């Protein structure tokens, strides 16, 4: 996933969601990419989630990806 962060950042150039409007690609990518921004919630002991946090460090980069994660996370889930 770390190698793909540049791809996702580029996909978000000039748009709010991965392919323009909110869609299936956003729903599929979000469960993995969210850990690059949101970390794991308290009590989450799923090893894979912790690996995603560790392997997707954004540092000070990827501003579009950060905004995208926050926007998708704010969407209703029901």
C-alpha atoms as a PDB file:
ATOM      1  CA  UNK A   1       0.000   0.000   0.000  1.00  0.00           C
ATOM      2  CA  UNK A   2       2.862   2.397   0.716  1.00  0.00           C
ATOM      3  CA  UNK A   3       3.939   2.277  -2.930  1.00  0.00           C
ATOM      4  CA  UNK A   4       0.375   3.073  -3.982  1.00  0.00           C
ATOM      5  CA  UNK A   5       0.015   6.211  -1.864  1.00  0.00           C
ATOM      6  CA  UNK A   6       1.415   8.348  -4.699  1.00  0.00           C
ATOM      7  CA  UNK A   7      -1.134   6.838  -7.083  1.00  0.00           C
ATOM      8  CA  UNK A   8      -4.019   7.687  -4.773  1.00  0.00           C
ATOM      9  CA  UNK A   9      -2.674  11.193  -4.199  1.00  0.00           C
ATOM     10  CA  UNK A  10      -2.493  11.684  -7.983  1.00  0.00           C
ATOM     11  CA  UNK A  11      -6.024  10.332  -8.513  1.00  0.00           C
ATOM     12  CA  UNK A  12      -7.299  13.025  -6.161  1.00  0.00           C
ATOM     13  CA  UNK A  13      -5.676  15.870  -8.094  1.00  0.00           C
ATOM     14  CA  UNK A  14      -8.537  18.212  -9.002  1.00  0.00           C
ATOM     15  CA  UNK A  15     -11.296  16.025  -7.601  1.00  0.00           C
ATOM     16  CA  UNK A  16     -12.861  15.167  -4.275  1.00  0.00           C
ATOM     17  CA  UNK A  17     -13.112  11.415  -4.759  1.00  0.00           C
ATOM     18  CA  UNK A  18     -10.970   8.836  -6.544  1.00  0.00           C
ATOM     19  CA  UNK A  19     -12.816   8.903  -9.859  1.00  0.00           C
ATOM     20  CA  UNK A  20     -14.761  12.160  -9.578  1.00  0.00           C
ATOM     21  CA  UNK A  21     -17.970  11.556  -7.666  1.00  0.00           C
ATOM     22  CA  UNK A  22     -18.215   9.337  -4.605  1.00  0.00           C
ATOM     23  CA  UNK A  23     -18.414   5.730  -5.760  1.00  0.00           C
ATOM     24  CA  UNK A  24     -17.402   2.106  -5.424  1.00  0.00           C
ATOM     25  CA  UNK A  25     -13.656   2.816  -5.699  1.00  0.00           C
ATOM     26  CA  UNK A  26     -13.862   5.064  -2.652  1.00  0.00           C
ATOM     27  CA  UNK A  27     -15.765   2.407  -0.698  1.00  0.00           C
ATOM     28  CA  UNK A  28     -13.238  -0.290  -1.600  1.00  0.00           C
ATOM     29  CA  UNK A  29     -10.089   1.758  -0.905  1.00  0.00           C
ATOM     30  CA  UNK A  30     -11.231   3.516   2.267  1.00  0.00           C
ATOM     31  CA  UNK A  31     -11.053   0.543   4.688  1.00  0.00           C
ATOM     32  CA  UNK A  32      -7.345   0.214   3.885  1.00  0.00           C
ATOM     33  CA  UNK A  33      -6.253   3.807   3.348  1.00  0.00           C
ATOM     34  CA  UNK A  34      -8.051   5.202   6.389  1.00  0.00           C
ATOM     35  CA  UNK A  35      -5.336   3.781   8.644  1.00  0.00           C
ATOM     36  CA  UNK A  36      -2.791   6.087   7.016  1.00  0.00           C
ATOM     37  CA  UNK A  37      -4.673   9.028   8.540  1.00  0.00           C
ATOM     38  CA  UNK A  38      -6.955   7.851  11.333  1.00  0.00           C
ATOM     39  CA  UNK A  39      -4.753   5.304  13.153  1.00  0.00           C
ATOM     40  CA  UNK A  40      -6.470   2.431  14.935  1.00  0.00           C
ATOM     41  CA  UNK A  41      -9.335   3.101  17.315  1.00  0.00           C
ATOM     42  CA  UNK A  42      -8.824   2.321  21.000  1.00  0.00           C
ATOM     43  CA  UNK A  43      -9.193  -1.384  21.685  1.00  0.00           C
ATOM     44  CA  UNK A  44      -8.557  -2.442  18.060  1.00  0.00           C
ATOM     45  CA  UNK A  45      -6.293  -5.448  18.398  1.00  0.00           C
ATOM     46  CA  UNK A  46      -6.533  -6.571  14.750  1.00  0.00           C
ATOM     47  CA  UNK A  47      -2.893  -7.085  13.698  1.00  0.00           C
ATOM     48  CA  UNK A  48      -3.592  -6.229  10.046  1.00  0.00           C
ATOM     49  CA  UNK A  49      -4.917  -2.793  11.040  1.00  0.00           C
ATOM     50  CA  UNK A  50      -1.721  -2.083  12.954  1.00  0.00           C
ATOM     51  CA  UNK A  51       0.368  -3.229   9.982  1.00  0.00           C
ATOM     52  CA  UNK A  52      -1.537  -0.792   7.763  1.00  0.00           C
ATOM     53  CA  UNK A  53      -0.803   2.065  10.174  1.00  0.00           C
ATOM     54  CA  UNK A  54       2.878   1.156  10.257  1.00  0.00           C
ATOM     55  CA  UNK A  55       3.292   0.604   6.516  1.00  0.00           C
ATOM     56  CA  UNK A  56       1.449   3.697   5.253  1.00  0.00           C
ATOM     57  CA  UNK A  57       3.166   6.631   6.921  1.00  0.00           C
ATOM     58  CA  UNK A  58       2.078   9.884   5.307  1.00  0.00           C
ATOM     59  CA  UNK A  59       4.432  12.132   7.224  1.00  0.00           C
ATOM     60  CA  UNK A  60       3.848  15.718   6.128  1.00  0.00           C
ATOM     61  CA  UNK A  61       2.870  14.706   2.594  1.00  0.00           C
ATOM     62  CA  UNK A  62      -0.267  13.589   0.793  1.00  0.00           C
ATOM     63  CA  UNK A  63      -2.618  16.479   1.572  1.00  0.00           C
ATOM     64  CA  UNK A  64      -5.245  15.336  -0.954  1.00  0.00           C
ATOM     65  CA  UNK A  65      -5.265  11.824   0.464  1.00  0.00           C
ATOM     66  CA  UNK A  66      -5.686  13.220   3.985  1.00  0.00           C
ATOM     67  CA  UNK A  67      -8.643  15.356   2.884  1.00  0.00           C
ATOM     68  CA  UNK A  68     -10.171  12.394   1.049  1.00  0.00           C
ATOM     69  CA  UNK A  69      -9.929  10.095   4.107  1.00  0.00           C
ATOM     70  CA  UNK A  70     -11.533  12.761   6.290  1.00  0.00           C
ATOM     71  CA  UNK A  71     -14.300  13.370   3.734  1.00  0.00           C
ATOM     72  CA  UNK A  72     -15.099   9.678   3.283  1.00  0.00           C
ATOM     73  CA  UNK A  73     -14.938   9.072   7.035  1.00  0.00           C
ATOM     74  CA  UNK A  74     -17.478  11.869   7.573  1.00  0.00           C
ATOM     75  CA  UNK A  75     -20.009  10.273   5.210  1.00  0.00           C
ATOM     76  CA  UNK A  76     -22.973   8.428   6.748  1.00  0.00           C
ATOM     77  CA  UNK A  77     -22.447   4.690   7.057  1.00  0.00           C
ATOM     78  CA  UNK A  78     -26.039   3.543   7.071  1.00  0.00           C
END
